[in-house]
Amino acid sequence: MRLVVVVAMLTLAAGIACVAAAATDDKVTEEVIVKGTRPEVEQRANTFVKGVTHRDYAVESLVRWNKPICPLVAGVPAHQGEFILRGISQAVRDAGGKLAPENCKPNFHVVLTPEPDQLLDLWRKRAPKLYGMERPAKVRRILGKPRPVRVWYNVWDICGEGVDTGTIIGADSNFGLSATTPYGTGCLKDSRLTFSSVKAISSVIVLVDLDDTKQTRLGPLTDYISMVGLTDVDLDGDWGDEPTILRLFAASDAATAQKLSIWDRAFLKALYTTSQTDRHQRNEIARSMVNDFMAQ
């Protein structure tokens, strides 16, 4: 897997803030037993899955990668970029996703900068097709919302599970970023039980505000990036009372959300092993998570 660390090109302020401490200090003890009766755990799992997934999945599939993932890290010193890359790669393997080989074209872009809004303005001018064919207003609504970590997903329709129907490349290569947009899938019609086309991630941009994350350790930050980069998550969802890395930047929950939790890992694994064409995939994910918990 190739690591590309681009510092001078993508940062707009002099100097790079140090993100957290050394990786060797990022070990966190986790209770790995989910307690409760099976019906209780099933109810909690369903609440968790519905909270993480926020689209109207009665009319479209869940979102995930169906092609090999090639991460790129920009904006931090090489040793920190390598740490983030290793963490993302491990999360991909644990979830059952695919990693691209050496010398791949980056499609999972992680950019850390103290000036995210200025960088977004620069991208809009230099790479207007970076966000596919989406309207500028939608891009501003999603990426313009102040968050410690902002995420943009380029998602396209593919027939069945994993059958590419073609892409149109549209980005400024000077930024080391790529975007793709779909054209005519020609898939069959949906049935009552299945989707004929599914939502596949073509590329992801994860924009990290170094000022807002300067107190965040590199391990938890890497796990958060991995979670939000592997599927389109609801960052404002109701995840019940379960531990999740998605709570990392919620002050009241910071002490209990310092790594990918057993709930996070079980969710990602189930997302990538259940059928994406199944209209009831969320239920299947919850069932798979419960089975994992009960097997421990």
Protein backbone atom coordinates (compact mmCIF):
# COMPACT_ATOMS: atom_id res chain seq x y z
CA MET A 1 0.00 0.00 0.00
CA ARG A 2 1.42 3.38 -0.97
CA LEU A 3 1.55 6.31 1.44
CA VAL A 4 1.57 9.78 -0.04
CA VAL A 5 2.21 12.61 2.39
CA VAL A 6 1.67 16.02 0.81
CA VAL A 7 2.43 18.82 3.26
CA ALA A 8 3.44 21.97 1.40
CA MET A 9 0.79 21.71 -1.30
CA LEU A 10 -2.29 21.16 0.81
CA THR A 11 -1.72 23.20 3.94
CA LEU A 12 -2.44 26.90 3.88
CA ALA A 13 -0.89 27.99 7.17
CA ALA A 14 2.77 28.08 8.08
CA GLY A 15 3.68 25.04 10.12
CA ILE A 16 1.70 21.91 10.94
CA ALA A 17 0.09 21.34 14.31
CA CYS A 18 1.14 18.11 15.96
CA VAL A 19 -1.76 15.69 16.16
CA ALA A 20 -1.69 14.00 19.56
CA ALA A 21 1.14 12.03 21.11
CA ALA A 22 3.09 8.97 20.07
CA ALA A 23 1.18 5.98 18.79
CA THR A 24 2.62 3.71 21.47
CA ASP A 25 0.54 5.55 24.09
CA ASP A 26 -2.76 5.04 22.28
CA LYS A 27 -3.65 1.70 23.83
CA VAL A 28 -7.08 1.68 25.48
CA THR A 29 -8.56 -1.14 27.51
CA GLU A 30 -11.95 -2.24 26.23
CA GLU A 31 -14.58 -4.51 27.72
CA VAL A 32 -15.32 -6.98 24.93
CA ILE A 33 -18.39 -8.66 26.41
CA VAL A 34 -21.81 -7.29 25.48
CA LYS A 35 -24.13 -8.04 28.38
CA GLY A 36 -27.86 -8.65 28.29
CA THR A 37 -30.36 -11.22 27.07
CA ARG A 38 -30.50 -11.89 23.34
CA PRO A 39 -33.77 -9.91 22.85
CA GLU A 40 -32.25 -6.97 24.74
CA VAL A 41 -29.05 -7.03 22.67
CA GLU A 42 -31.06 -7.37 19.45
CA GLN A 43 -33.04 -4.25 20.29
CA ARG A 44 -29.85 -2.34 21.10
CA ALA A 45 -28.19 -3.54 17.89
CA ASN A 46 -31.14 -2.42 15.77
CA THR A 47 -31.09 1.01 17.43
CA PHE A 48 -27.35 1.30 16.84
CA VAL A 49 -27.54 0.31 13.16
CA LYS A 50 -30.43 2.67 12.46
CA GLY A 51 -28.55 5.49 14.20
CA VAL A 52 -25.36 5.00 12.20
CA THR A 53 -27.16 4.69 8.85
CA HIS A 54 -29.16 7.79 8.05
CA ARG A 55 -30.45 7.48 4.49
CA ASP A 56 -33.91 6.36 3.49
CA TYR A 57 -33.00 2.74 2.99
CA ALA A 58 -36.51 1.78 1.97
CA VAL A 59 -35.69 3.18 -1.47
CA GLU A 60 -31.92 2.71 -1.76
CA SER A 61 -29.16 0.45 -0.48
CA LEU A 62 -26.66 1.05 2.26
CA VAL A 63 -23.39 2.66 1.17
CA ARG A 64 -20.01 0.91 1.15
CA TRP A 65 -16.88 0.36 -0.93
CA ASN A 66 -17.08 -2.29 -3.64
CA LYS A 67 -13.66 -1.67 -5.14
CA PRO A 68 -10.14 -1.67 -3.66
CA ILE A 69 -9.35 1.23 -1.35
CA CYS A 70 -6.20 3.30 -1.81
CA PRO A 71 -5.62 5.73 1.09
CA LEU A 72 -3.66 8.96 0.81
CA VAL A 73 -2.67 11.08 3.81
CA ALA A 74 -1.68 14.72 3.45
CA GLY A 75 -0.83 17.57 5.78
CA VAL A 76 1.15 15.91 8.61
CA PRO A 77 4.73 14.69 9.12
CA ALA A 78 5.53 11.36 7.51
CA HIS A 79 5.56 9.28 10.70
CA GLN A 80 2.06 10.49 11.62
CA GLY A 81 0.82 9.92 8.09
CA GLU A 82 2.21 6.38 8.16
CA PHE A 83 0.43 5.73 11.45
CA ILE A 84 -2.89 6.92 10.02
CA LEU A 85 -2.38 4.84 6.89
CA ARG A 86 -1.67 1.68 8.90
CA GLY A 87 -4.77 2.25 11.01
CA ILE A 88 -7.03 2.77 7.99
CA SER A 89 -5.57 -0.27 6.24
CA GLN A 90 -6.14 -2.46 9.30
CA ALA A 91 -9.74 -1.23 9.62
CA VAL A 92 -10.35 -2.07 5.96
CA ARG A 93 -9.00 -5.59 6.43
CA ASP A 94 -10.98 -6.15 9.64
CA ALA A 95 -14.19 -5.03 7.95
CA GLY A 96 -13.66 -7.33 4.98
CA GLY A 97 -12.99 -4.54 2.48
CA LYS A 98 -10.34 -4.62 -0.24
CA LEU A 99 -7.04 -2.77 -0.24
CA ALA A 100 -5.47 -1.69 -3.51
CA PRO A 101 -1.94 -2.86 -4.41
CA GLU A 102 1.20 -0.74 -4.49
CA ASN A 103 1.27 2.29 -6.81
CA CYS A 104 -2.51 2.61 -6.75
CA LYS A 105 -4.47 5.74 -7.59
CA PRO A 106 -5.66 7.33 -4.31
CA ASN A 107 -9.40 7.32 -3.66
CA PHE A 108 -9.53 7.57 0.17
CA HIS A 109 -8.15 11.07 0.76
CA VAL A 110 -7.30 12.21 4.28
CA VAL A 111 -6.23 15.84 4.45
CA LEU A 112 -5.27 17.53 7.72
CA THR A 113 -5.07 21.32 7.76
CA PRO A 114 -5.44 24.23 10.21
CA GLU A 115 -7.41 26.15 7.55
CA PRO A 116 -10.12 23.81 6.21
CA ASP A 117 -12.44 26.55 4.93
CA GLN A 118 -9.68 28.24 2.95
CA LEU A 119 -8.64 24.87 1.55
CA LEU A 120 -12.22 24.13 0.50
CA ASP A 121 -12.40 27.47 -1.32
CA LEU A 122 -9.16 26.68 -3.10
CA TRP A 123 -10.39 23.23 -4.11
CA ARG A 124 -13.61 24.65 -5.52
CA LYS A 125 -11.60 26.93 -7.76
CA ARG A 126 -8.89 24.48 -8.76
CA ALA A 127 -10.90 21.24 -8.94
CA PRO A 128 -14.57 22.05 -9.61
CA LYS A 129 -15.36 18.42 -10.50
CA LEU A 130 -13.83 17.04 -7.32
CA TYR A 131 -17.30 16.46 -5.87
CA GLY A 132 -18.72 14.67 -8.87
CA MET A 133 -21.74 16.34 -10.42
CA GLU A 134 -23.25 17.57 -7.16
CA ARG A 135 -24.53 21.11 -6.92
CA PRO A 136 -22.16 23.62 -5.21
CA ALA A 137 -24.91 24.40 -2.68
CA LYS A 138 -24.96 20.78 -1.50
CA VAL A 139 -21.18 20.68 -1.23
CA ARG A 140 -21.22 23.85 0.87
CA ARG A 141 -24.01 22.50 3.07
CA ILE A 142 -22.07 19.33 3.89
CA LEU A 143 -18.42 20.35 3.86
CA GLY A 144 -19.08 23.93 4.98
CA LYS A 145 -20.59 22.83 8.30
CA PRO A 146 -17.92 23.37 10.98
CA ARG A 147 -16.82 20.01 12.39
CA PRO A 148 -13.49 18.67 13.64
CA VAL A 149 -13.71 16.12 10.79
CA ARG A 150 -15.74 16.74 7.62
CA VAL A 151 -16.47 14.01 5.09
CA TRP A 152 -17.52 14.04 1.45
CA TYR A 153 -18.58 10.82 -0.28
CA ASN A 154 -18.62 10.44 -4.04
CA VAL A 155 -21.20 7.67 -4.41
CA TRP A 156 -22.46 6.08 -7.59
CA ASP A 157 -24.90 3.35 -8.61
CA ILE A 158 -23.65 -0.03 -9.76
CA CYS A 159 -25.68 -3.02 -10.91
CA GLY A 160 -25.89 -5.86 -8.44
CA GLU A 161 -22.87 -6.10 -6.15
CA GLY A 162 -19.58 -4.80 -7.45
CA VAL A 163 -20.16 -4.54 -11.20
CA ASP A 164 -18.71 -1.26 -12.43
CA THR A 165 -20.69 0.48 -15.15
CA GLY A 166 -18.05 3.07 -16.00
CA THR A 167 -16.80 6.39 -14.65
CA ILE A 168 -15.96 9.86 -15.77
CA ILE A 169 -12.82 11.20 -14.15
CA GLY A 170 -13.04 14.82 -13.08
CA ALA A 171 -10.43 16.42 -10.83
CA ASP A 172 -7.33 18.55 -10.80
CA SER A 173 -4.41 16.13 -10.75
CA ASN A 174 -2.20 18.79 -9.17
CA PHE A 175 -3.99 18.09 -5.88
CA GLY A 176 -3.46 14.34 -6.00
CA LEU A 177 -7.23 13.91 -5.72
CA SER A 178 -9.64 12.01 -7.92
CA ALA A 179 -13.39 11.95 -8.29
CA THR A 180 -15.70 9.85 -10.39
CA THR A 181 -19.28 10.23 -11.49
CA PRO A 182 -21.59 7.55 -12.84
CA TYR A 183 -23.28 7.31 -16.16
CA GLY A 184 -26.17 5.10 -17.35
CA THR A 185 -26.27 1.90 -15.30
CA GLY A 186 -28.98 0.09 -17.24
CA CYS A 187 -29.80 -2.12 -14.25
CA LEU A 188 -32.97 -4.17 -13.96
CA LYS A 189 -35.89 -2.92 -11.87
CA ASP A 190 -35.92 -3.39 -8.10
CA SER A 191 -38.04 -6.13 -6.59
CA ARG A 192 -39.88 -6.16 -3.28
CA LEU A 193 -36.96 -7.96 -1.65
CA THR A 194 -33.88 -6.70 -3.46
CA PHE A 195 -32.28 -3.68 -5.07
CA SER A 196 -31.04 -4.14 -8.63
CA SER A 197 -28.48 -1.36 -8.16
CA VAL A 198 -26.52 -0.46 -5.05
CA LYS A 199 -24.71 2.59 -3.72
CA ALA A 200 -20.95 2.17 -4.05
CA ILE A 201 -18.33 4.61 -2.81
CA SER A 202 -16.12 5.82 -5.64
CA SER A 203 -13.96 8.13 -3.52
CA VAL A 204 -13.96 9.80 -0.12
CA ILE A 205 -12.50 13.06 1.12
CA VAL A 206 -11.90 13.29 4.88
CA LEU A 207 -10.96 16.82 5.90
CA VAL A 208 -9.51 17.14 9.41
CA ASP A 209 -9.33 20.52 11.17
CA LEU A 210 -5.99 20.50 12.97
CA ASP A 211 -7.04 23.31 15.31
CA ASP A 212 -10.16 21.46 16.44
CA THR A 213 -8.35 18.13 16.83
CA LYS A 214 -5.08 19.26 18.41
CA GLN A 215 -6.10 17.75 21.76
CA THR A 216 -7.13 14.47 20.14
CA ARG A 217 -4.71 11.58 20.24
CA LEU A 218 -3.65 10.11 16.92
CA GLY A 219 -5.02 6.62 17.62
CA PRO A 220 -8.63 7.69 18.28
CA LEU A 221 -8.48 10.18 15.41
CA THR A 222 -7.33 7.44 13.04
CA ASP A 223 -10.13 5.13 14.17
CA TYR A 224 -12.68 7.93 13.68
CA ILE A 225 -11.36 8.58 10.16
CA SER A 226 -11.57 4.86 9.40
CA MET A 227 -15.16 4.61 10.61
CA VAL A 228 -16.47 7.60 8.66
CA GLY A 229 -14.47 6.67 5.56
CA LEU A 230 -15.77 3.12 5.22
CA THR A 231 -19.46 4.03 4.99
CA ASP A 232 -21.73 7.06 4.81
CA VAL A 233 -22.52 7.50 8.51
CA ASP A 234 -24.92 9.85 10.25
CA LEU A 235 -22.64 12.06 12.32
CA ASP A 236 -25.69 13.39 14.19
CA GLY A 237 -27.40 10.04 14.65
CA ASP A 238 -28.89 8.46 17.74
CA TRP A 239 -26.64 5.49 18.50
CA GLY A 240 -28.39 4.52 21.70
CA ASP A 241 -26.18 4.09 24.76
CA GLU A 242 -23.55 1.96 23.04
CA PRO A 243 -19.86 2.90 22.92
CA THR A 244 -18.79 4.15 19.50
CA ILE A 245 -15.86 6.09 18.11
CA LEU A 246 -18.45 8.41 16.53
CA ARG A 247 -18.79 10.01 19.99
CA LEU A 248 -15.13 11.06 19.92
CA PHE A 249 -15.86 14.77 19.59
CA ALA A 250 -18.83 14.83 21.96
CA ALA A 251 -17.32 16.20 25.16
CA SER A 252 -19.64 14.30 27.51
CA ASP A 253 -18.68 10.95 25.96
CA ALA A 254 -15.02 11.54 25.19
CA ALA A 255 -13.77 9.29 28.00
CA THR A 256 -15.59 6.23 26.62
CA ALA A 257 -14.93 6.67 22.89
CA GLN A 258 -11.20 6.36 22.41
CA LYS A 259 -11.06 3.62 19.78
CA LEU A 260 -13.22 1.61 17.40
CA SER A 261 -15.53 -0.13 19.84
CA ILE A 262 -16.76 -3.70 19.60
CA TRP A 263 -20.02 -2.22 18.27
CA ASP A 264 -18.21 -0.26 15.57
CA ARG A 265 -16.13 -3.23 14.45
CA ALA A 266 -19.10 -5.59 14.44
CA PHE A 267 -21.14 -3.09 12.41
CA LEU A 268 -18.44 -2.61 9.78
CA LYS A 269 -17.80 -6.34 9.49
CA ALA A 270 -21.51 -7.03 9.05
CA LEU A 271 -21.90 -4.19 6.55
CA TYR A 272 -19.23 -5.71 4.32
CA THR A 273 -20.36 -9.34 4.65
CA THR A 274 -24.14 -9.03 4.28
CA SER A 275 -25.86 -8.61 0.91
CA GLN A 276 -25.98 -5.00 -0.24
CA THR A 277 -28.87 -5.78 -2.58
CA ASP A 278 -31.05 -6.96 0.32
CA ARG A 279 -33.72 -4.41 1.21
CA HIS A 280 -33.50 -5.71 4.78
CA GLN A 281 -29.72 -5.38 5.05
CA ARG A 282 -29.95 -3.26 8.18
CA ASN A 283 -31.82 -6.05 9.94
CA GLU A 284 -29.26 -8.56 8.69
CA ILE A 285 -26.44 -6.38 9.99
CA ALA A 286 -28.02 -6.15 13.42
CA ARG A 287 -28.57 -9.93 13.47
CA SER A 288 -24.96 -10.56 12.46
CA MET A 289 -23.72 -8.23 15.18
CA VAL A 290 -25.78 -10.04 17.83
CA ASN A 291 -24.45 -13.40 16.65
CA ASP A 292 -20.89 -12.08 17.02
CA PHE A 293 -21.60 -10.75 20.50
CA MET A 294 -23.25 -13.97 21.68
CA ALA A 295 -20.38 -16.08 20.33
CA GLN A 296 -17.87 -14.36 22.62
